[in-house]
Protein backbone atom coordinates (compact mmCIF):
# COMPACT_ATOMS: atom_id res chain seq x y z
CA MET A 1 37.57 -44.66 -1.33
CA LEU A 2 34.66 -42.66 -2.79
CA SER A 3 35.68 -44.44 -6.17
CA HIS A 4 33.60 -47.54 -4.70
CA LEU A 5 30.40 -45.37 -4.52
CA ILE A 6 28.91 -44.98 -8.09
CA ASP A 7 26.01 -43.51 -9.91
CA PRO A 8 23.52 -45.73 -11.54
CA GLY A 9 24.75 -44.38 -14.95
CA ASP A 10 28.09 -46.03 -14.06
CA ILE A 11 26.71 -49.47 -14.10
CA ASP A 12 27.68 -51.84 -17.09
CA ALA A 13 24.47 -52.15 -18.99
CA GLY A 14 24.87 -55.91 -19.34
CA ARG A 15 25.25 -56.53 -15.63
CA PRO A 16 22.78 -54.77 -13.31
CA ALA A 17 23.64 -54.00 -9.87
CA VAL A 18 23.20 -56.91 -7.62
CA PRO A 19 20.79 -56.35 -4.64
CA VAL A 20 21.89 -56.54 -1.25
CA ALA A 21 19.09 -57.56 1.36
CA CYS A 22 19.94 -56.82 5.02
CA VAL A 23 18.08 -58.93 7.40
CA SER A 24 18.10 -59.29 11.19
CA HIS A 25 17.07 -62.31 13.25
CA GLY A 26 13.68 -60.88 14.21
CA GLU A 27 12.68 -60.31 10.48
CA TYR A 28 14.26 -63.11 8.74
CA GLU A 29 11.51 -65.55 8.81
CA ALA A 30 8.97 -63.08 7.41
CA TRP A 31 11.56 -61.86 4.88
CA LEU A 32 12.31 -65.26 3.79
CA GLU A 33 8.52 -66.21 3.35
CA ALA A 34 8.27 -63.32 0.83
CA GLN A 35 11.14 -64.67 -1.22
CA PRO A 36 10.80 -66.77 -4.45
CA GLU A 37 10.91 -70.52 -3.89
CA THR A 38 14.40 -70.79 -5.60
CA THR A 39 15.80 -68.30 -2.96
CA ARG A 40 14.25 -70.16 -0.02
CA ASN A 41 15.52 -73.34 -1.25
CA TRP A 42 19.03 -71.98 -1.80
CA LEU A 43 19.37 -70.21 1.48
CA GLY A 44 17.88 -73.29 3.40
CA ASP A 45 20.19 -75.83 1.58
CA THR A 46 23.13 -73.70 2.29
CA ASP A 47 22.16 -73.33 5.97
CA PHE A 48 22.27 -69.64 5.70
CA ARG A 49 21.37 -67.82 9.22
CA PRO A 50 21.19 -64.08 9.69
CA GLU A 51 24.00 -64.16 12.28
CA SER A 52 25.85 -60.72 12.53
CA GLY A 53 27.98 -60.35 9.40
CA SER A 54 27.02 -63.62 7.74
CA VAL A 55 26.64 -63.35 4.10
CA GLY A 56 24.67 -65.56 1.62
CA LEU A 57 25.20 -65.48 -2.06
CA VAL A 58 22.14 -66.31 -4.13
CA PRO A 59 22.58 -67.62 -7.77
CA GLY A 60 20.49 -65.66 -10.36
CA ALA A 61 19.91 -66.18 -14.05
CA ALA A 62 22.58 -67.43 -16.48
CA GLY A 63 24.65 -68.64 -13.47
CA ARG A 64 25.51 -65.16 -12.24
CA LEU A 65 25.23 -63.82 -8.66
CA GLY A 66 21.50 -62.59 -8.45
CA GLN A 67 21.15 -61.53 -4.62
CA VAL A 68 23.22 -60.97 -1.73
CA VAL A 69 21.75 -61.62 1.84
CA LEU A 70 23.48 -60.02 4.69
CA GLY A 71 22.74 -61.04 8.27
CA THR A 72 22.70 -58.47 11.22
CA GLY A 73 22.01 -60.67 14.07
CA GLU A 74 20.05 -58.66 16.57
CA GLN A 75 21.34 -55.27 15.48
CA GLU A 76 19.66 -52.59 13.49
CA PRO A 77 21.55 -51.35 10.32
CA GLY A 78 24.39 -48.85 11.19
CA LEU A 79 27.46 -47.57 9.84
CA TRP A 80 29.43 -50.79 9.99
CA THR A 81 26.69 -53.16 8.71
CA TYR A 82 27.93 -53.05 4.92
CA ALA A 83 31.58 -52.13 5.80
CA GLY A 84 32.80 -55.70 5.29
CA LEU A 85 31.17 -56.32 2.01
CA PRO A 86 33.58 -54.31 -0.26
CA ALA A 87 36.25 -56.64 0.35
CA ARG A 88 34.29 -59.92 0.57
CA LEU A 89 32.08 -59.70 -2.50
CA PRO A 90 33.18 -60.27 -6.09
CA ALA A 91 34.00 -57.17 -8.05
CA GLY A 92 31.00 -55.46 -9.51
CA ALA A 93 27.92 -53.36 -8.79
CA TYR A 94 25.67 -53.67 -5.91
CA ARG A 95 22.59 -51.91 -4.47
CA LEU A 96 20.81 -51.74 -1.30
CA GLU A 97 17.11 -53.26 -1.43
CA ARG A 98 16.35 -51.06 1.56
CA PRO A 99 18.25 -47.95 1.93
CA GLY A 100 16.29 -46.89 4.92
CA THR A 101 16.04 -43.24 6.23
CA GLN A 102 18.73 -40.54 5.15
CA ASP A 103 20.56 -41.24 8.17
CA ILE A 104 20.86 -45.14 7.67
CA ALA A 105 21.44 -44.48 3.84
CA SER A 106 24.26 -42.11 4.57
CA LYS A 107 25.97 -44.44 7.22
CA SER A 108 25.57 -47.32 4.80
CA ALA A 109 27.54 -45.48 2.09
CA LEU A 110 30.10 -44.18 4.45
CA GLY A 111 30.73 -47.67 5.82
CA TRP A 112 30.96 -48.99 2.34
CA ALA A 113 33.42 -46.53 1.39
CA LEU A 114 35.51 -46.96 4.52
CA GLY A 115 35.44 -50.58 3.73
CA GLY A 116 36.80 -50.02 0.33
CA TYR A 117 40.20 -48.37 1.65
CA ALA A 118 43.51 -49.86 1.09
CA PHE A 119 46.97 -48.27 1.58
CA THR A 120 48.81 -48.82 -1.74
CA ARG A 121 51.69 -46.12 -1.82
CA TYR A 122 54.24 -49.06 -1.73
CA ARG A 123 52.62 -52.18 -2.63
CA ASN A 124 49.41 -52.83 -4.74
CA ASP A 125 48.47 -56.54 -4.35
CA GLY A 126 45.75 -56.25 -6.99
CA LYS A 127 42.94 -56.38 -4.47
CA THR A 128 39.67 -55.30 -6.07
CA PHE A 129 36.62 -53.95 -4.28
CA ALA A 130 32.74 -54.20 -5.03
CA ASP A 131 31.02 -50.88 -5.94
CA LEU A 132 27.83 -49.67 -4.37
CA VAL A 133 25.25 -47.54 -6.19
CA TRP A 134 24.78 -44.46 -4.14
CA PRO A 135 21.84 -45.36 -1.69
CA GLU A 136 18.83 -43.17 -2.37
CA GLY A 137 18.48 -40.26 0.13
CA ALA A 138 22.17 -40.47 1.18
CA ASP A 139 23.75 -37.15 1.87
CA ARG A 140 26.45 -37.35 -0.51
CA ALA A 141 28.35 -34.22 0.53
CA ALA A 142 28.49 -35.34 4.31
CA VAL A 143 29.69 -38.98 3.18
CA SER A 144 32.36 -37.50 0.81
CA ARG A 145 33.62 -35.19 3.47
CA ALA A 146 33.88 -38.04 6.12
CA ALA A 147 35.42 -40.61 3.83
CA SER A 148 37.78 -38.24 2.26
CA ALA A 149 38.96 -36.97 5.72
CA THR A 150 39.30 -40.56 7.10
CA GLY A 151 41.38 -41.73 4.27
CA PHE A 152 43.61 -38.70 4.42
CA VAL A 153 44.08 -39.58 8.08
CA ARG A 154 44.76 -43.03 7.44
CA ASP A 155 47.29 -42.22 4.74
CA LEU A 156 49.10 -39.82 6.72
CA VAL A 157 49.51 -42.16 9.70
CA ASN A 158 50.35 -45.23 7.49
CA THR A 159 53.16 -43.63 5.68
CA PRO A 160 56.53 -44.49 7.20
CA ALA A 161 58.62 -41.85 9.03
CA GLY A 162 61.22 -42.02 6.35
CA ASP A 163 58.89 -40.44 4.05
CA LEU A 164 56.91 -38.39 6.48
CA GLY A 165 59.19 -36.25 8.68
CA PRO A 166 58.23 -32.79 10.08
CA ALA A 167 58.94 -31.35 6.50
CA GLU A 168 56.70 -33.58 4.58
CA LEU A 169 53.99 -33.20 7.47
CA ALA A 170 54.17 -29.39 6.93
CA GLU A 171 53.87 -30.01 3.10
CA ALA A 172 50.72 -31.98 3.62
CA ALA A 173 49.23 -29.10 5.73
CA ARG A 174 50.36 -26.65 2.98
CA SER A 175 48.72 -28.70 0.33
CA LEU A 176 45.41 -28.90 2.26
CA ALA A 177 45.81 -24.88 2.96
CA LYS A 178 46.04 -24.25 -0.80
CA GLU A 179 43.06 -26.72 -1.72
CA CYS A 180 40.88 -24.87 0.69
CA SER A 181 42.01 -21.21 0.31
CA ALA A 182 43.46 -21.02 3.84
CA THR A 183 46.64 -19.36 4.86
CA PHE A 184 49.58 -21.16 5.78
CA THR A 185 52.93 -20.31 7.70
CA VAL A 186 55.62 -22.49 9.42
CA ILE A 187 58.21 -21.54 11.95
CA VAL A 188 61.35 -23.72 11.48
CA GLY A 189 64.52 -24.44 13.39
CA GLU A 190 66.36 -21.77 15.43
CA ALA A 191 63.56 -19.52 14.46
CA LEU A 192 61.28 -21.40 17.18
CA LEU A 193 63.65 -20.04 19.70
CA LYS A 194 63.66 -16.45 18.33
CA LYS A 195 59.62 -16.50 18.31
CA ASN A 196 59.60 -18.17 21.83
CA TYR A 197 58.61 -21.71 21.08
CA PRO A 198 61.61 -23.17 23.22
CA ALA A 199 59.80 -26.45 24.27
CA ILE A 200 59.14 -27.42 20.72
CA HIS A 201 62.73 -26.79 19.68
CA ALA A 202 64.05 -28.64 22.70
CA VAL A 203 62.51 -31.85 21.84
CA GLY A 204 63.03 -31.76 18.19
CA ARG A 205 66.67 -30.32 17.69
CA ALA A 206 68.28 -33.57 17.87
CA ALA A 207 66.79 -34.86 14.58
CA ALA A 208 68.14 -34.58 10.96
CA GLN A 209 64.96 -32.68 10.04
CA ALA A 210 64.54 -29.27 11.93
CA PRO A 211 61.40 -28.99 14.20
CA ARG A 212 58.60 -26.79 13.19
CA LEU A 213 55.32 -25.22 14.15
CA ILE A 214 52.70 -25.41 11.48
CA ASP A 215 50.22 -22.90 11.31
CA LEU A 216 46.99 -22.97 9.19
CA GLN A 217 44.23 -20.42 9.39
CA TRP A 218 41.00 -20.12 7.35
CA GLY A 219 37.44 -18.38 7.68
CA GLU A 220 36.23 -14.90 8.48
CA ALA A 221 37.91 -12.98 10.96
CA ASP A 222 34.86 -12.06 13.03
CA ALA A 223 33.43 -15.63 13.08
CA PRO A 224 33.60 -17.68 16.28
CA LYS A 225 37.23 -18.82 16.93
CA LEU A 226 37.86 -22.59 16.68
CA THR A 227 41.52 -23.85 17.25
CA LEU A 228 42.67 -27.34 16.72
CA VAL A 229 46.06 -28.64 17.99
CA GLY A 230 47.68 -31.67 16.98
CA LYS A 231 50.68 -33.61 18.22
CA GLY A 232 52.95 -33.92 15.40
CA VAL A 233 55.86 -36.50 16.60
CA CYS A 234 56.68 -37.90 13.16
CA PHE A 235 58.73 -40.68 14.68
CA ASP A 236 59.24 -41.30 18.49
CA SER A 237 62.47 -43.31 19.31
CA GLY A 238 61.96 -42.51 23.07
CA GLY A 239 64.89 -40.03 22.99
CA LEU A 240 67.80 -40.88 25.42
CA ASP A 241 65.16 -43.03 27.33
CA LEU A 242 64.98 -45.14 24.22
CA LYS A 243 61.88 -47.61 23.77
CA PRO A 244 62.53 -51.14 23.23
CA PRO A 245 62.04 -52.48 19.68
CA SER A 246 58.56 -53.85 20.34
CA ALA A 247 57.33 -50.37 21.39
CA MET A 248 59.15 -48.48 18.71
CA LYS A 249 58.08 -50.42 15.74
CA THR A 250 54.63 -48.38 15.38
CA MET A 251 55.92 -45.07 16.26
CA LYS A 252 55.45 -43.54 12.83
CA LYS A 253 52.04 -43.29 14.15
CA ASP A 254 52.92 -40.74 16.85
CA MET A 255 51.85 -37.90 14.48
CA GLY A 256 48.43 -39.42 14.63
CA GLY A 257 47.03 -36.18 16.37
CA ALA A 258 48.37 -34.08 13.64
CA ALA A 259 46.75 -36.21 10.96
CA HIS A 260 43.34 -35.93 13.03
CA VAL A 261 43.43 -32.22 13.20
CA LEU A 262 44.20 -31.80 9.46
CA GLY A 263 41.45 -34.29 8.76
CA LEU A 264 38.92 -32.54 10.93
CA ALA A 265 40.20 -29.35 9.34
CA SER A 266 39.28 -30.62 5.83
CA MET A 267 35.80 -31.48 7.01
CA ILE A 268 35.07 -27.98 8.52
CA MET A 269 36.51 -26.01 5.47
CA GLN A 270 34.77 -28.26 3.08
CA ALA A 271 31.45 -27.83 4.97
CA GLY A 272 31.98 -23.92 5.12
CA LEU A 273 31.28 -23.90 8.72
CA ASP A 274 30.84 -20.59 10.31
CA VAL A 275 34.17 -20.35 12.30
CA ARG A 276 37.53 -18.70 12.36
CA LEU A 277 39.67 -21.81 12.12
CA ARG A 278 43.18 -22.21 13.28
CA VAL A 279 45.33 -25.42 13.08
CA LEU A 280 48.55 -25.54 15.20
CA ILE A 281 50.84 -28.57 14.84
CA PRO A 282 54.18 -28.65 16.58
CA ALA A 283 55.91 -31.17 14.32
CA VAL A 284 59.16 -33.02 15.50
CA GLU A 285 61.03 -36.27 15.52
CA ASN A 286 62.14 -37.34 18.99
CA ALA A 287 65.56 -38.57 17.98
CA VAL A 288 68.80 -39.46 19.54
CA SER A 289 72.01 -37.52 19.03
CA GLY A 290 74.51 -35.33 20.89
CA ASP A 291 72.28 -32.60 20.90
CA ALA A 292 69.30 -34.56 22.31
CA TYR A 293 67.55 -33.27 25.22
CA ARG A 294 68.21 -35.18 28.52
CA PRO A 295 66.38 -36.53 31.54
CA LEU A 296 66.26 -33.85 34.36
CA ASP A 297 66.93 -31.12 31.80
CA VAL A 298 64.69 -28.08 32.43
CA VAL A 299 62.96 -26.71 29.42
CA PRO A 300 61.35 -23.35 29.17
CA THR A 301 57.91 -22.82 27.63
CA ARG A 302 56.08 -20.26 25.74
CA LYS A 303 54.01 -19.59 28.80
CA GLY A 304 56.81 -19.00 31.18
CA ILE A 305 56.19 -22.28 33.01
CA THR A 306 59.46 -24.62 33.35
CA ILE A 307 59.30 -28.22 32.83
CA GLU A 308 61.75 -30.76 34.45
CA ILE A 309 62.22 -33.69 32.08
CA GLY A 310 61.20 -36.73 33.93
CA HIS A 311 61.31 -38.95 30.91
CA THR A 312 62.29 -38.26 27.43
CA ASP A 313 59.67 -40.63 26.15
CA ALA A 314 57.06 -38.07 27.38
CA GLU A 315 57.79 -35.65 24.71
CA GLY A 316 54.41 -35.04 23.26
CA ARG A 317 53.02 -32.88 26.04
CA VAL A 318 56.19 -30.97 26.21
CA ILE A 319 55.78 -29.79 22.53
CA LEU A 320 52.02 -29.43 23.00
CA ALA A 321 52.74 -27.09 25.98
CA ASP A 322 53.93 -24.28 23.58
CA ALA A 323 51.31 -25.03 20.87
CA LEU A 324 48.38 -24.85 23.37
CA ALA A 325 49.82 -21.72 25.10
CA GLU A 326 49.79 -20.03 21.71
CA ALA A 327 46.21 -21.31 20.86
CA SER A 328 44.91 -20.12 24.45
CA SER A 329 46.48 -16.72 24.06
CA GLU A 330 43.75 -16.06 21.54
CA THR A 331 40.93 -16.98 23.89
CA PRO A 332 39.22 -19.21 21.30
CA ASP A 333 35.66 -20.18 21.64
CA LEU A 334 36.59 -23.71 21.56
CA LEU A 335 39.98 -25.25 21.73
CA ILE A 336 40.57 -29.05 20.81
CA ASP A 337 43.71 -30.95 20.81
CA PHE A 338 44.19 -34.54 19.53
CA ALA A 339 47.32 -36.64 20.64
CA THR A 340 48.57 -40.10 20.60
CA LEU A 341 49.65 -39.07 24.19
CA THR A 342 49.77 -42.03 26.41
CA GLY A 343 49.93 -45.77 26.64
CA ALA A 344 47.95 -45.50 29.96
CA ALA A 345 44.78 -44.27 27.95
CA ARG A 346 45.15 -47.73 26.00
CA VAL A 347 45.51 -49.67 29.19
CA ALA A 348 42.42 -48.15 30.55
CA LEU A 349 40.16 -48.30 27.50
CA GLY A 350 41.91 -50.45 25.02
CA PRO A 351 42.92 -49.47 21.47
CA GLU A 352 39.39 -48.82 20.16
CA LEU A 353 38.07 -46.25 22.75
CA PRO A 354 39.68 -42.80 22.70
CA ALA A 355 39.72 -41.00 25.94
CA MET A 356 38.29 -37.60 26.17
CA PHE A 357 39.18 -34.92 28.87
CA THR A 358 37.40 -31.61 29.61
CA HIS A 359 36.61 -29.29 32.55
CA ASP A 360 33.34 -28.39 30.85
CA ASP A 361 30.49 -30.90 31.56
CA LYS A 362 27.98 -29.51 28.80
CA LEU A 363 30.62 -29.53 26.38
CA ALA A 364 31.58 -33.15 27.47
CA ASP A 365 27.65 -34.12 27.04
CA ALA A 366 27.63 -32.71 23.52
CA PHE A 367 30.76 -34.54 22.40
CA ILE A 368 29.26 -37.80 24.05
CA ALA A 369 26.01 -37.20 22.20
CA SER A 370 27.71 -36.70 18.78
CA ALA A 371 29.88 -39.66 19.30
CA ALA A 372 26.86 -41.81 19.77
CA ALA A 373 24.89 -40.39 16.77
CA GLU A 374 28.00 -40.80 14.54
CA GLU A 375 28.99 -44.30 15.78
CA ASP A 376 32.35 -42.87 16.54
CA PRO A 377 32.98 -43.82 20.03
CA LEU A 378 34.77 -42.09 22.96
CA TRP A 379 34.88 -42.03 26.56
CA ARG A 380 35.23 -39.26 29.05
CA LEU A 381 37.94 -39.74 31.76
CA PRO A 382 38.14 -37.15 34.64
CA LEU A 383 40.64 -34.31 35.14
CA TRP A 384 41.09 -35.40 38.70
CA ARG A 385 42.37 -32.45 40.47
CA PRO A 386 43.78 -34.14 43.56
CA TYR A 387 46.38 -36.06 41.08
CA ARG A 388 47.69 -32.46 39.99
CA LYS A 389 50.43 -32.49 42.83
CA LEU A 390 51.88 -35.74 40.91
CA ILE A 391 53.07 -33.49 38.26
CA ASP A 392 54.88 -30.86 40.52
CA GLY A 393 58.50 -30.49 39.51
CA LYS A 394 61.32 -30.79 41.85
CA THR A 395 63.80 -28.23 40.30
CA ALA A 396 61.05 -26.78 37.79
CA ASP A 397 57.52 -25.99 37.91
CA LEU A 398 56.35 -29.17 36.36
CA THR A 399 57.64 -32.64 35.49
CA ASN A 400 56.65 -34.33 32.22
CA SER A 401 56.61 -37.55 34.02
CA ALA A 402 55.04 -38.35 37.30
CA ASP A 403 56.90 -40.80 39.58
CA THR A 404 54.16 -43.15 39.76
CA PRO A 405 52.78 -45.99 37.35
CA TYR A 406 49.15 -44.87 38.15
CA ALA A 407 46.58 -42.62 36.24
CA GLY A 408 49.13 -41.77 33.21
CA ALA A 409 46.43 -40.52 31.02
CA ILE A 410 44.80 -38.39 33.77
CA THR A 411 48.35 -36.71 34.86
CA ALA A 412 49.14 -36.17 31.10
CA ALA A 413 45.86 -34.30 30.49
CA LEU A 414 46.44 -32.38 33.67
CA PHE A 415 49.67 -31.45 32.58
CA LEU A 416 48.28 -29.96 29.22
CA SER A 417 45.65 -28.04 31.12
CA GLU A 418 48.28 -26.06 32.92
CA PHE A 419 48.93 -24.38 29.55
CA VAL A 420 45.24 -23.33 28.75
CA ASP A 421 43.57 -20.49 30.49
CA ARG A 422 40.74 -22.00 32.45
CA GLN A 423 38.13 -19.74 30.63
CA VAL A 424 38.97 -21.32 27.43
CA PRO A 425 36.65 -24.24 26.57
CA HIS A 426 39.30 -26.93 26.01
CA VAL A 427 38.68 -30.57 24.95
CA HIS A 428 41.70 -33.11 24.82
CA PHE A 429 41.62 -36.44 23.14
CA ASP A 430 44.14 -39.16 23.87
CA VAL A 431 43.79 -41.36 20.82
CA MET A 432 45.63 -44.72 19.46
CA ALA A 433 45.22 -43.69 15.80
CA TRP A 434 45.92 -47.22 15.07
CA ASN A 435 43.97 -50.55 14.40
CA PRO A 436 46.12 -53.28 15.89
CA SER A 437 43.78 -55.86 13.92
CA ALA A 438 41.34 -55.52 11.13
CA ARG A 439 37.61 -55.23 11.45
CA PRO A 440 34.96 -54.48 8.92
CA GLY A 441 35.71 -51.06 7.49
CA ARG A 442 38.63 -50.64 9.62
CA PRO A 443 41.75 -52.18 8.21
CA GLU A 444 44.83 -52.80 10.46
CA GLY A 445 46.96 -49.62 10.51
CA GLY A 446 46.26 -45.90 10.81
CA GLU A 447 42.82 -44.91 11.86
CA ALA A 448 40.83 -41.82 12.47
CA MET A 449 39.23 -41.92 15.91
CA ALA A 450 36.62 -39.47 17.40
CA MET A 451 37.23 -37.20 14.34
CA ARG A 452 33.58 -37.48 12.82
CA ALA A 453 32.30 -37.13 16.35
CA ALA A 454 34.23 -33.87 16.95
CA TYR A 455 33.14 -32.62 13.51
CA ALA A 456 29.35 -33.23 14.33
CA ALA A 457 29.81 -31.36 17.74
CA ILE A 458 31.49 -28.64 16.23
CA ALA A 459 28.73 -28.22 13.34
CA ALA A 460 26.13 -28.21 15.95
CA ARG A 461 27.61 -25.80 18.02
CA PHE A 462 28.68 -23.20 15.43
CA GLY A 463 26.43 -24.22 12.47
CA ARG A 464 27.19 -22.91 8.75
């Protein structure tokens, strides 16, 4: 994506960068009055109006494009202001007439970069994207980190399960560790039982690829401990409680939590934050075979809590139980997990708004503030303690599926909380990791959600 952000020296000497003017309703009349008569006449004759997302192409000399006018309606420039332009404009170089503050310039550049994303591993339809000259004042390092991490997450989520199983997900983590001089280990198959990760093994044992626990570590040993846990269900058939075809179709994205923590880890390591980072990813495929775990099986966990399987399609929380117990055992200064955990969160908040859960009000406020500043939305839902009784098991300590259609995202979050010591600051994100339809800068398919917000909160908490 960064290939669509260029230096002035990369511009064709015979074709200068086309200026892009961003105008709102309130400033349009004054801006128009200051333009040459030819521009005023052209925009008037083409009935251009500065509605949000409207684009006016003004001709210049020799019949070439001379200027782009972008309407923003009532909104001020932000992250997504220019994100639709890379795909809409003719190929070539463009520059912003008014880059604005460093924050606006950086967001404009990031939005443009995200708008230039395409998943081309299996098909390249020849689509070209317009290039933007780096806006003056933009924080290039920050933009590069965020764009690269987002592209990484999107690519992982978009890759079909046939090419991204637990082994390939582990290899992606291994490659990231090598790139960033981190250590990498993985526990595979029967070794999970020997090392006391029985819940991960139980869910993943039916698949052709063995289940595994991915472990990446980076940073100075005496730095504050930050642990990230990501759900890595590389494909979710639902298990013996098989999903219908309509629900199974996009289940290659069920490793979206793992993709998020790898993307977030890349940002942290590239920025050199002062943390001792650990990333734990239980990677499995929830498959059907003679060895699949069954409804009402009782599964032991690393923490010693037993889980009654109320539904085999609630597998994500089962594998996260072991990973969170291991993460919590080190008493990190901050523990964050990302998971495509429940459809209930999507029912409550829709596909664009991730759900956040934490017991810590100050921590929640910090993440909410970062989300607003980064234009990376999230919404806090409550860990409503009276619902805890809904996940009591009948033949085991807990059930992974409450016998109620209500509050599914909350009961899932309460389930995860049972495996984290209360003194550990813990934030759980229940994300969609997918755009059901395209928006400017956010094509249909895999998506990073709340990742940039999490990075900003972490950077503010721990610094560099």
